[in-house]
Each structure stands twice: as C-alpha cells, then as structure tokens.
Protein backbone atom coordinates (compact mmCIF):
# COMPACT_ATOMS: atom_id res chain seq x y z
CA UNK A 1 47.52 -177.37 6.80
CA UNK A 2 46.85 -178.82 3.32
CA UNK A 3 43.73 -180.51 4.64
CA UNK A 4 41.99 -177.11 4.81
CA UNK A 5 41.49 -177.26 1.06
CA UNK A 6 38.08 -175.66 1.26
CA UNK A 7 39.31 -172.93 3.56
CA UNK A 8 41.41 -169.89 3.08
CA UNK A 9 45.13 -170.62 3.67
CA UNK A 10 46.37 -169.79 7.13
CA UNK A 11 48.96 -167.13 7.81
CA UNK A 12 52.22 -168.38 9.29
CA UNK A 13 53.13 -165.15 11.05
CA UNK A 14 52.02 -166.53 14.41
CA UNK A 15 53.85 -169.20 16.36
CA UNK A 16 51.99 -172.48 16.08
CA UNK A 17 50.60 -173.41 19.48
CA UNK A 18 49.40 -176.83 20.41
CA UNK A 19 45.80 -177.61 21.19
CA UNK A 20 44.52 -177.06 24.67
CA UNK A 21 42.51 -179.03 27.14
CA UNK A 22 41.88 -182.39 25.71
CA UNK A 23 42.92 -183.18 22.15
CA UNK A 24 45.37 -185.97 22.73
CA UNK A 25 45.12 -188.52 19.94
CA UNK A 26 48.16 -190.39 18.74
CA UNK A 27 49.31 -187.35 16.83
CA UNK A 28 48.00 -184.64 19.09
CA UNK A 29 49.56 -182.60 21.83
CA UNK A 30 48.13 -179.76 23.87
CA UNK A 31 48.55 -176.05 23.74
CA UNK A 32 51.86 -174.38 24.42
CA UNK A 33 51.76 -172.30 27.54
CA UNK A 34 55.04 -170.51 26.81
CA UNK A 35 56.97 -170.88 23.53
CA UNK A 36 60.50 -169.58 22.99
CA UNK A 37 60.43 -165.83 23.52
CA UNK A 38 62.49 -165.16 20.39
CA UNK A 39 59.72 -166.53 18.18
CA UNK A 40 57.47 -163.64 19.15
CA UNK A 41 59.74 -160.84 17.97
CA UNK A 42 58.46 -159.21 14.81
CA UNK A 43 60.24 -156.13 13.39
CA UNK A 44 58.18 -152.97 13.23
CA UNK A 45 58.41 -150.59 10.24
CA UNK A 46 61.11 -148.52 11.89
CA UNK A 47 63.21 -151.63 12.53
CA UNK A 48 62.69 -151.68 16.30
CA UNK A 49 61.48 -154.97 17.70
CA UNK A 50 58.43 -154.73 19.96
CA UNK A 51 58.56 -156.21 23.43
CA UNK A 52 57.67 -159.87 23.78
CA UNK A 53 54.73 -160.77 25.94
CA UNK A 54 56.83 -161.52 29.03
CA UNK A 55 58.06 -157.93 28.98
CA UNK A 56 54.46 -156.73 29.01
CA UNK A 57 53.69 -158.49 32.31
CA UNK A 58 53.89 -157.09 35.83
CA UNK A 59 56.73 -158.14 38.14
CA UNK A 60 54.29 -160.18 40.24
CA UNK A 61 53.03 -162.18 37.26
CA UNK A 62 56.58 -162.67 35.99
CA UNK A 63 57.50 -164.15 39.36
CA UNK A 64 54.53 -166.52 39.05
CA UNK A 65 55.70 -167.59 35.59
CA UNK A 66 59.16 -168.33 36.98
CA UNK A 67 57.50 -170.56 39.58
CA UNK A 68 55.62 -172.38 36.83
CA UNK A 69 58.92 -172.91 35.07
CA UNK A 70 60.47 -174.43 38.18
CA UNK A 71 57.46 -176.68 38.77
CA UNK A 72 57.75 -178.01 35.21
CA UNK A 73 61.49 -178.60 35.01
CA UNK A 74 60.88 -182.30 34.45
CA UNK A 75 58.20 -184.97 34.75
CA UNK A 76 59.10 -186.23 38.26
CA UNK A 77 58.91 -182.70 39.67
CA UNK A 78 55.59 -182.02 37.98
CA UNK A 79 54.12 -185.31 39.19
CA UNK A 80 55.36 -184.62 42.72
CA UNK A 81 53.73 -181.19 42.70
CA UNK A 82 50.44 -182.63 41.45
CA UNK A 83 50.52 -185.30 44.16
CA UNK A 84 51.32 -182.79 46.92
CA UNK A 85 48.93 -180.13 45.63
CA UNK A 86 45.91 -181.03 47.80
CA UNK A 87 48.04 -180.75 50.94
CA UNK A 88 49.45 -177.29 50.20
CA UNK A 89 47.61 -174.31 51.78
CA UNK A 90 45.76 -172.19 49.25
CA UNK A 91 47.60 -169.07 50.41
CA UNK A 92 50.89 -170.66 49.36
CA UNK A 93 49.51 -171.78 46.00
CA UNK A 94 48.04 -168.35 45.37
CA UNK A 95 51.35 -166.64 46.14
CA UNK A 96 53.41 -168.81 43.81
CA UNK A 97 51.12 -169.55 40.83
CA UNK A 98 47.52 -168.57 41.58
CA UNK A 99 47.65 -165.06 40.11
CA UNK A 100 48.40 -166.43 36.66
CA UNK A 101 45.27 -168.55 36.34
CA UNK A 102 42.64 -167.08 38.71
CA UNK A 103 41.06 -163.66 38.92
CA UNK A 104 40.72 -163.63 42.70
CA UNK A 105 38.41 -164.69 45.51
CA UNK A 106 36.43 -161.43 45.75
CA UNK A 107 34.77 -159.06 43.25
CA UNK A 108 37.33 -156.38 44.09
CA UNK A 109 40.27 -158.67 43.29
CA UNK A 110 38.61 -159.80 40.08
CA UNK A 111 37.97 -156.23 38.94
CA UNK A 112 41.66 -155.53 39.60
CA UNK A 113 42.54 -158.50 37.38
CA UNK A 114 40.33 -157.06 34.64
CA UNK A 115 42.08 -153.70 34.98
CA UNK A 116 45.49 -155.34 34.60
CA UNK A 117 44.27 -157.24 31.54
CA UNK A 118 43.01 -154.02 29.95
CA UNK A 119 46.51 -152.53 30.26
CA UNK A 120 47.63 -155.37 27.96
CA UNK A 121 44.87 -154.66 25.43
CA UNK A 122 42.52 -157.39 26.72
CA UNK A 123 39.40 -155.34 27.25
CA UNK A 124 36.97 -157.79 28.82
CA UNK A 125 36.55 -161.12 30.56
CA UNK A 126 34.49 -164.26 30.61
CA UNK A 127 33.82 -164.76 34.31
CA UNK A 128 33.40 -168.19 35.83
CA UNK A 129 32.42 -168.57 39.47
CA UNK A 130 34.42 -171.70 40.20
CA UNK A 131 31.99 -173.78 42.17
CA UNK A 132 30.78 -176.98 40.54
CA UNK A 133 29.71 -180.45 41.53
CA UNK A 134 29.27 -182.70 38.51
CA UNK A 135 29.37 -185.79 40.73
CA UNK A 136 26.80 -184.41 43.17
CA UNK A 137 28.90 -185.01 46.29
CA UNK A 138 29.69 -181.52 47.64
CA UNK A 139 26.31 -180.51 49.06
CA UNK A 140 26.52 -177.08 47.43
CA UNK A 141 24.01 -174.38 48.36
CA UNK A 142 22.56 -173.90 44.89
CA UNK A 143 20.53 -170.80 45.77
CA UNK A 144 23.62 -169.07 47.11
CA UNK A 145 25.62 -170.07 44.04
CA UNK A 146 22.95 -168.68 41.70
CA UNK A 147 22.90 -165.44 43.69
CA UNK A 148 26.70 -165.09 43.69
CA UNK A 149 26.82 -165.74 39.96
CA UNK A 150 24.05 -163.26 39.17
CA UNK A 151 25.55 -160.64 41.50
CA UNK A 152 28.89 -160.88 39.68
CA UNK A 153 27.28 -159.23 36.66
CA UNK A 154 26.43 -156.11 38.68
CA UNK A 155 29.51 -156.24 40.92
CA UNK A 156 32.24 -157.12 38.40
CA UNK A 157 31.24 -157.10 34.75
CA UNK A 158 29.12 -153.95 34.83
CA UNK A 159 31.66 -151.63 36.53
CA UNK A 160 34.44 -153.09 34.38
CA UNK A 161 32.78 -152.42 31.03
CA UNK A 162 31.57 -148.97 32.11
CA UNK A 163 35.14 -148.09 33.10
CA UNK A 164 36.32 -149.32 29.70
CA UNK A 165 33.72 -147.25 27.86
CA UNK A 166 34.14 -144.10 29.92
CA UNK A 167 37.93 -144.18 29.69
CA UNK A 168 37.63 -143.49 25.97
CA UNK A 169 40.71 -145.58 25.18
CA UNK A 170 38.74 -147.73 22.76
CA UNK A 171 35.73 -147.09 20.56
CA UNK A 172 32.62 -148.48 22.22
CA UNK A 173 32.21 -151.21 19.60
CA UNK A 174 35.85 -152.29 19.93
CA UNK A 175 35.21 -153.35 23.53
CA UNK A 176 34.06 -156.99 23.69
CA UNK A 177 31.06 -157.96 25.81
CA UNK A 178 31.50 -159.19 29.35
CA UNK A 179 30.66 -162.88 29.45
CA UNK A 180 29.32 -164.96 32.30
CA UNK A 181 30.04 -168.69 32.07
CA UNK A 182 27.27 -170.88 33.46
CA UNK A 183 28.24 -174.44 34.31
CA UNK A 184 25.08 -176.61 34.23
CA UNK A 185 26.64 -179.11 36.64
CA UNK A 186 26.91 -176.34 39.24
CA UNK A 187 23.37 -175.02 39.07
CA UNK A 188 21.25 -177.95 40.20
CA UNK A 189 21.45 -180.75 42.76
CA UNK A 190 22.40 -184.18 41.39
CA UNK A 191 23.39 -182.59 38.06
CA UNK A 192 24.54 -185.72 36.23
CA UNK A 193 21.19 -187.44 36.65
CA UNK A 194 19.27 -184.28 35.84
CA UNK A 195 21.14 -183.81 32.56
CA UNK A 196 20.97 -187.49 31.67
CA UNK A 197 17.21 -187.49 32.27
CA UNK A 198 16.31 -184.16 30.68
CA UNK A 199 13.43 -185.81 28.77
CA UNK A 200 12.34 -188.16 31.54
CA UNK A 201 9.06 -187.06 33.19
CA UNK A 202 10.25 -188.43 36.52
CA UNK A 203 12.97 -185.77 36.55
CA UNK A 204 10.87 -182.93 35.17
CA UNK A 205 10.87 -180.85 38.36
CA UNK A 206 14.65 -180.87 38.75
CA UNK A 207 15.11 -180.26 35.02
CA UNK A 208 12.85 -177.24 35.30
CA UNK A 209 14.84 -176.02 38.31
CA UNK A 210 18.05 -176.08 36.25
CA UNK A 211 16.35 -174.13 33.45
CA UNK A 212 14.92 -171.63 35.93
CA UNK A 213 18.29 -171.08 37.63
CA UNK A 214 19.98 -170.34 34.30
CA UNK A 215 17.11 -168.09 33.28
CA UNK A 216 17.24 -166.21 36.59
CA UNK A 217 20.88 -165.32 35.97
CA UNK A 218 20.28 -164.44 32.33
CA UNK A 219 17.42 -162.14 33.30
CA UNK A 220 20.09 -159.99 34.95
CA UNK A 221 22.01 -160.01 31.66
CA UNK A 222 18.86 -158.95 29.80
CA UNK A 223 18.06 -156.18 32.27
CA UNK A 224 21.54 -154.70 32.20
CA UNK A 225 21.83 -154.90 28.42
CA UNK A 226 18.65 -152.83 28.14
CA UNK A 227 19.86 -150.42 30.82
CA UNK A 228 23.23 -149.76 29.19
CA UNK A 229 21.82 -149.67 25.65
CA UNK A 230 19.62 -146.76 26.73
CA UNK A 231 22.77 -144.99 27.92
CA UNK A 232 25.00 -146.02 24.99
CA UNK A 233 22.64 -146.45 22.00
CA UNK A 234 25.53 -146.66 19.52
CA UNK A 235 26.49 -150.11 20.85
CA UNK A 236 26.14 -152.88 18.22
CA UNK A 237 26.89 -155.96 20.31
CA UNK A 238 25.58 -156.96 23.73
CA UNK A 239 27.26 -155.51 26.79
CA UNK A 240 26.86 -158.85 28.60
CA UNK A 241 26.34 -162.44 27.47
CA UNK A 242 25.44 -165.69 29.26
CA UNK A 243 27.59 -168.61 28.10
CA UNK A 244 26.48 -172.18 28.72
CA UNK A 245 29.60 -174.27 29.32
CA UNK A 246 29.99 -177.76 27.92
CA UNK A 247 29.85 -180.99 29.87
CA UNK A 248 30.97 -184.55 29.19
CA UNK A 249 29.45 -186.13 26.10
CA UNK A 250 26.79 -188.16 27.92
CA UNK A 251 25.61 -185.04 29.75
CA UNK A 252 26.08 -182.72 26.80
CA UNK A 253 22.92 -183.91 25.06
CA UNK A 254 20.92 -182.38 27.90
CA UNK A 255 23.03 -179.22 27.75
CA UNK A 256 22.11 -178.75 24.08
CA UNK A 257 18.43 -178.73 25.07
CA UNK A 258 19.09 -176.37 27.99
CA UNK A 259 20.92 -173.79 25.90
CA UNK A 260 18.29 -174.09 23.17
CA UNK A 261 15.59 -173.22 25.72
CA UNK A 262 17.57 -170.13 26.70
CA UNK A 263 18.13 -169.15 23.05
CA UNK A 264 14.37 -169.16 22.52
CA UNK A 265 13.71 -166.97 25.54
CA UNK A 266 16.52 -164.42 25.39
CA UNK A 267 17.85 -164.25 21.80
CA UNK A 268 15.06 -162.30 20.19
CA UNK A 269 15.24 -161.83 16.40
CA UNK A 270 15.33 -158.03 16.64
CA UNK A 271 17.75 -157.75 19.58
CA UNK A 272 21.12 -158.72 20.97
CA UNK A 273 22.24 -162.34 21.03
CA UNK A 274 22.43 -162.60 24.81
CA UNK A 275 22.94 -166.34 25.23
CA UNK A 276 25.82 -168.32 23.75
CA UNK A 277 25.94 -172.10 23.76
CA UNK A 278 29.07 -174.23 23.52
CA UNK A 279 29.80 -176.69 20.72
CA UNK A 280 32.76 -179.05 21.16
CA UNK A 281 34.31 -179.49 17.74
CA UNK A 282 36.41 -182.50 18.71
CA UNK A 283 33.11 -184.37 18.64
CA UNK A 284 32.17 -185.82 15.27
CA UNK A 285 28.68 -184.35 15.69
CA UNK A 286 30.02 -180.78 16.05
CA UNK A 287 29.11 -179.41 12.59
CA UNK A 288 25.79 -181.24 12.66
CA UNK A 289 24.95 -179.51 15.94
CA UNK A 290 25.75 -176.08 14.46
CA UNK A 291 23.52 -176.72 11.47
CA UNK A 292 20.76 -178.17 13.65
CA UNK A 293 20.75 -175.12 15.93
CA UNK A 294 20.60 -172.85 12.88
CA UNK A 295 17.67 -174.82 11.42
CA UNK A 296 15.68 -174.87 14.66
CA UNK A 297 16.28 -171.14 15.22
CA UNK A 298 14.99 -170.31 11.75
CA UNK A 299 11.87 -172.33 12.44
CA UNK A 300 11.43 -170.85 15.93
CA UNK A 301 12.25 -167.24 15.00
CA UNK A 302 15.10 -166.70 17.44
CA UNK A 303 18.89 -166.24 17.19
CA UNK A 304 21.80 -168.47 18.19
CA UNK A 305 25.11 -167.57 19.78
CA UNK A 306 27.93 -170.10 19.67
CA UNK A 307 31.20 -170.64 21.49
CA UNK A 308 33.34 -173.05 19.53
CA UNK A 309 35.84 -175.08 21.54
CA UNK A 310 37.86 -178.08 20.56
CA UNK A 311 36.89 -179.97 23.72
CA UNK A 312 37.76 -180.50 27.34
CA UNK A 313 36.97 -184.10 28.21
CA UNK A 314 39.28 -186.24 26.09
CA UNK A 315 40.83 -187.99 29.09
CA UNK A 316 37.51 -188.87 30.72
CA UNK A 317 35.43 -189.69 27.65
CA UNK A 318 34.75 -193.44 27.71
CA UNK A 319 33.21 -193.61 24.21
CA UNK A 320 36.13 -192.88 21.90
CA UNK A 321 33.94 -193.31 18.81
CA UNK A 322 32.29 -189.91 19.33
CA UNK A 323 35.63 -188.06 19.03
CA UNK A 324 37.44 -187.29 15.80
CA UNK A 325 40.08 -189.91 15.01
CA UNK A 326 43.01 -187.48 14.71
CA UNK A 327 44.07 -184.01 15.70
CA UNK A 328 44.07 -183.04 12.02
CA UNK A 329 40.41 -184.03 11.70
CA UNK A 330 39.60 -181.88 14.71
CA UNK A 331 41.52 -178.93 13.24
CA UNK A 332 39.55 -179.19 10.00
CA UNK A 333 36.25 -179.42 11.88
CA UNK A 334 37.09 -176.45 14.09
CA UNK A 335 38.11 -174.11 11.30
CA UNK A 336 35.20 -175.25 9.15
CA UNK A 337 32.88 -174.32 12.01
CA UNK A 338 34.46 -170.86 12.26
CA UNK A 339 34.03 -170.26 8.54
CA UNK A 340 30.44 -171.50 8.52
CA UNK A 341 29.35 -169.17 11.33
CA UNK A 342 31.28 -166.16 10.01
CA UNK A 343 29.87 -166.61 6.51
CA UNK A 344 26.35 -166.65 7.91
CA UNK A 345 26.88 -163.73 10.27
CA UNK A 346 28.56 -161.51 7.66
CA UNK A 347 25.63 -161.70 5.22
CA UNK A 348 23.16 -159.95 7.55
CA UNK A 349 24.79 -159.12 10.90
CA UNK A 350 21.70 -157.50 12.37
CA UNK A 351 19.30 -160.35 11.63
CA UNK A 352 21.46 -163.41 11.00
CA UNK A 353 20.18 -166.51 12.79
CA UNK A 354 23.77 -167.22 13.86
CA UNK A 355 24.21 -163.93 15.66
CA UNK A 356 27.34 -164.15 17.83
CA UNK A 357 30.55 -166.18 17.83
CA UNK A 358 33.24 -166.79 20.44
CA UNK A 359 36.34 -168.46 18.99
CA UNK A 360 37.60 -170.14 22.17
CA UNK A 361 40.92 -171.70 21.29
CA UNK A 362 44.60 -171.79 22.19
CA UNK A 363 45.50 -172.84 18.67
CA UNK A 364 47.35 -169.99 16.97
CA UNK A 365 46.27 -171.02 13.48
CA UNK A 366 42.59 -170.99 14.39
CA UNK A 367 42.84 -167.62 16.13
CA UNK A 368 44.70 -166.13 13.18
CA UNK A 369 42.32 -167.75 10.71
CA UNK A 370 39.33 -166.09 12.40
CA UNK A 371 41.24 -162.79 12.43
CA UNK A 372 42.03 -163.07 8.72
CA UNK A 373 38.41 -163.86 7.82
CA UNK A 374 37.21 -160.88 9.84
CA UNK A 375 39.77 -158.60 8.19
CA UNK A 376 38.77 -159.69 4.68
CA UNK A 377 35.02 -159.75 5.23
CA UNK A 378 32.41 -157.07 5.71
CA UNK A 379 33.46 -153.87 7.48
CA UNK A 380 30.05 -153.79 9.13
CA UNK A 381 30.49 -152.81 12.78
CA UNK A 382 27.72 -155.13 13.94
CA UNK A 383 29.46 -158.07 12.29
CA UNK A 384 32.91 -157.36 13.65
CA UNK A 385 31.77 -156.55 17.17
CA UNK A 386 29.87 -159.85 17.47
CA UNK A 387 32.94 -162.02 16.90
CA UNK A 388 35.31 -162.44 19.85
CA UNK A 389 38.48 -164.45 20.43
CA UNK A 390 39.00 -166.06 23.83
CA UNK A 391 41.53 -168.03 25.85
CA UNK A 392 41.94 -169.12 29.45
CA UNK A 393 43.59 -166.66 31.82
CA UNK A 394 47.29 -167.54 31.99
CA UNK A 395 47.20 -169.59 28.80
CA UNK A 396 48.14 -168.65 25.26
CA UNK A 397 49.59 -165.29 26.36
CA UNK A 398 52.13 -165.43 23.53
CA UNK A 399 49.40 -165.63 20.90
CA UNK A 400 47.29 -163.02 22.68
CA UNK A 401 50.22 -160.60 22.68
CA UNK A 402 50.96 -161.25 19.03
CA UNK A 403 47.37 -160.72 17.92
CA UNK A 404 47.00 -157.47 19.85
CA UNK A 405 50.37 -155.90 19.12
CA UNK A 406 51.18 -157.12 15.62
CA UNK A 407 47.73 -157.67 14.11
CA UNK A 408 45.68 -154.91 15.75
CA UNK A 409 43.16 -157.30 17.33
CA UNK A 410 40.80 -155.71 19.84
CA UNK A 411 38.06 -158.35 20.07
CA UNK A 412 39.85 -160.55 22.58
CA UNK A 413 38.97 -161.73 26.09
CA UNK A 414 40.29 -164.04 28.79
CA UNK A 415 38.30 -166.69 30.66
CA UNK A 416 38.71 -165.62 34.29
CA UNK A 417 37.77 -168.07 37.08
CA UNK A 418 37.15 -166.55 40.48
CA UNK A 419 35.55 -167.54 43.75
CA UNK A 420 36.19 -169.30 47.05
CA UNK A 421 39.83 -170.34 47.51
CA UNK A 422 39.04 -174.04 47.96
CA UNK A 423 37.23 -174.09 44.62
CA UNK A 424 39.91 -172.14 42.75
CA UNK A 425 42.39 -174.61 44.22
CA UNK A 426 40.52 -177.43 42.48
CA UNK A 427 40.62 -175.42 39.26
CA UNK A 428 44.38 -174.86 39.54
CA UNK A 429 44.96 -178.56 40.09
CA UNK A 430 43.01 -179.28 36.89
CA UNK A 431 45.20 -176.79 35.02
CA UNK A 432 48.28 -178.78 36.01
CA UNK A 433 46.67 -182.15 35.34
CA UNK A 434 44.97 -181.31 32.03
CA UNK A 435 47.85 -179.29 30.64
CA UNK A 436 50.66 -181.35 32.15
CA UNK A 437 52.12 -182.49 28.84
CA UNK A 438 52.15 -178.98 27.39
CA UNK A 439 53.54 -177.52 30.59
CA UNK A 440 56.28 -180.12 30.79
CA UNK A 441 57.27 -179.84 27.14
CA UNK A 442 57.18 -176.10 26.63
CA UNK A 443 58.16 -174.40 29.86
CA UNK A 444 60.65 -175.60 32.43
CA UNK A 445 64.11 -174.15 32.37
CA UNK A 446 63.70 -172.12 29.13
CA UNK A 447 60.83 -170.23 30.74
CA UNK A 448 62.84 -169.60 33.91
CA UNK A 449 65.75 -168.25 31.87
CA UNK A 450 63.50 -165.95 29.83
CA UNK A 451 61.84 -164.56 32.95
CA UNK A 452 65.22 -163.98 34.62
CA UNK A 453 66.40 -162.15 31.51
CA UNK A 454 63.41 -159.79 31.68
CA UNK A 455 64.06 -159.13 35.38
CA UNK A 456 67.73 -158.50 34.63
CA UNK A 457 66.86 -156.02 31.90
CA UNK A 458 64.52 -154.18 34.22
CA UNK A 459 67.01 -154.01 37.08
CA UNK A 460 69.81 -152.74 34.86
CA UNK A 461 67.65 -150.30 33.01
CA UNK A 462 67.26 -151.71 29.52
CA UNK A 463 64.82 -149.46 27.64
CA UNK A 464 61.37 -151.02 27.42
CA UNK A 465 59.21 -150.65 24.33
CA UNK A 466 55.99 -151.13 26.30
CA UNK A 467 54.99 -149.71 29.62
CA UNK A 468 55.17 -152.16 32.51
CA UNK A 469 53.14 -151.82 35.66
CA UNK A 470 53.61 -153.66 38.93
CA UNK A 471 51.01 -154.66 41.42
C-alpha cells in the first residue's frame, strides 16, 4: 500500500479481501467471498480464540454456504450452473443459496432477516426492492413499484429500527440508519433515454416524473425522520436515508443531476442529511465529482450525503478511458475519497456540507482504514454516527465479523435485496456472474470443508464461544 503516501498507513490485522463487483483490470481481482477460516482467528486477552464468522451463522445459512462451495468447485461446474440458472425454479434456488444473498419476498421475511443480522451485531440494513428495467423491456408498473418501495419504509425499516432502539442492546446513536436504495432505472419508463436526455426539453416531462417518483419516496423518509426524532430527540443521525444507486457511466451523468435535485430539497443545512448519492471511485472523475458536489452545496446552502463505491459496471462499460488504469489507482482514489469526506465531516459534524458517508466496499483495507480514521478523529457523536460501513448481504462476512468482534465496530450495515421471486432470481444470477472469479478462486472445496467442520463441532458438542441460533 505504499501508494497511499498521503494517507495514514493501513492496519494489517484484517485479511485482505479482493475488490467486489467490477474492478477487473490486468492486475485486479474481485472481492473474496470466503477466505480461509484460520485467517480470522485472533487471540483475545485471555488467550481464547473467538469463533470465526462461520461459527456465528445459523445452521440454515451454513447449509447455504456449503451449497455455494459445491457450486464453485471448479470453473466448468460454475459455468454450468450459470447456464442452467434461468431454468431452475426459484423455490429450488431459494432453498439452496437464496437465503445468503436475499432478504426475502415479503416484508415479514425481510424483517426476520434484519433480526438475524442484528444477532450478529449488524444493526440495520440498506433495503433494495429488486425490480429494475434499465433496458425498458419489462413493462413494469412504475406506480406500484414506487408504492411498494415507499411502503417498505413503514413496513420494514421503521419496525426494525424501533425494535433495535427499544431493545436497549445498543445506544441509540450506535444504531445505523435504515437505508432505502433507489434505482433510477426502476422508477421511470424508458429509463435509459430519460437519463441520457435529462437536459433535453423534449424529455422534460419524463425527467420530471423520475424526479417526482424519487421525491415521493423520500417524503416518507422525511416524515418518519421527523416523527421518530420527536420521540427520540437524542438521536444525532437520521433514522432513515434515501440512497440513489449508481448507473452505467453514460446514464450516471443524469443520475448526478437527479441526486443533486434531491439534496437541495431534503438535505437542509440545519437538519439531517436524508439523501445520499453514489460516487463510483473507479471512475477517473470520482474525486472531481465529490469536490463539485461540495462546491455546489456550499453555494446552494444544502448538505450532501455520499456513498462511495468502487464501481459495478466494469464488464459492461464500453469507454475504458473513463476508468482508472489499474486496481492500485482505484484503491488510492477510493481511500482518498474516504479521507476527504471524513476530514470535512469531522471539523463541524452538525453543519458540515458533506454531512453523511457510507463506505460501501468489500475491500478489507478500505473498511479498516475508515475505522481507523474514525477511531483517531473527533469523539463527537454526530460525527461518528453519520459514518457507516456497508457490504452486500452474503458478501464480505469475514471482514464484517472481524470488524464487529475484534475492532468493536457498530456502524455497519448490509445491503439487503428483497422483492418478487422472479426479480430476486435475476439478482442472484448477477451475483454469480459478477462475482464468478472471486467465487471460483476463494470458495469451492475449502469452504465446504470449513462448513462441514463447523457442523461436526456442533453435532459432537464442541463448546462455542458465540451463541448460535437456527431458523
């Protein structure tokens, strides 16, 4: 990591995971889904090793991990599974691997997923209703999708965070917000053309419809934040946040304008930062976008929330010139972005223009870097409660476990897709396709053996150092 000369050195106490979802230059590989279990054992002061993350999982989820291991034994098997995937009934997919990556098809199932996550120290979620149509070919009922998305705040995120608060297990400002991911390509008809023509008067009506749909959902966020703040006035970060997801580079320019419009409306200078926009740091323009948003917010007297990701569209991006040349360049850009936002936020947490940060990464160094900066910076509760670490459900569980159990991290969430089975099936297929290299390289038979060892220890009564629940 010598290239981070301007940054604080990274700790090496975490296993180094590969990048996730898209960074695949000549020297880049993707995130590890499951590293060797032995690498996660860290002695405690009394000399007893804590349980590894597999031992913290329920029997059902362990079974699902064993299935993932079998699917990824070698490249031919993985490719065969990917090819056959569309023909397999969703009920079969859900039984064997679905529980790892998806929260469920109903609010009740998704709340249950949140409850299981909280038992592992993951105290909130970023919900994503998995219906999208970037190509404009599915004939989606947009009004129904907007309603389902907005209702999920009241039906899932609200009861979940209230349960977390009322349980008293964590201080109220140690519980991260509940996030709602909004995919622009899912919230308007013919989304690609709408986003491409955001400044074209001929498309003004549809562009306004997209803005109105996002605003309609975020109005629910605003209402519930005010409602719960009246009940819990000691809260220093929002209870709920709208997150605008990224799109492909050509469409992303319209997304920047969309999220900026929402910043202006909902991120008031004297209130919570209720809208977070996504910046893809594998793009060469990443840091420029952060600085531009900060500049415009200062001029417009509003606040900016940011979710920093490395990027999701490496395989489909036709213009390679917009992406950093190497993985190392992307790493530098990503950690520089973290430092820039944290430095700004720490100086005046209540009024900082950059008011909220989600470090969305499966890279262990970046997650630990953000944790180290938080630990060494201001002890201000507003500052610390407005910085959150996030990963996809079912991904990076080794790093999540390490951060929670060996570094005392509480500000951590999982991105939880949920919704109709046919749509979650599409999402699961993308997980296999996008993370195929990582899955193939880092799971397979070693994962199967490690899962079988945990089952063996449970059957024959080996003492567990963490409580294990089963569904």
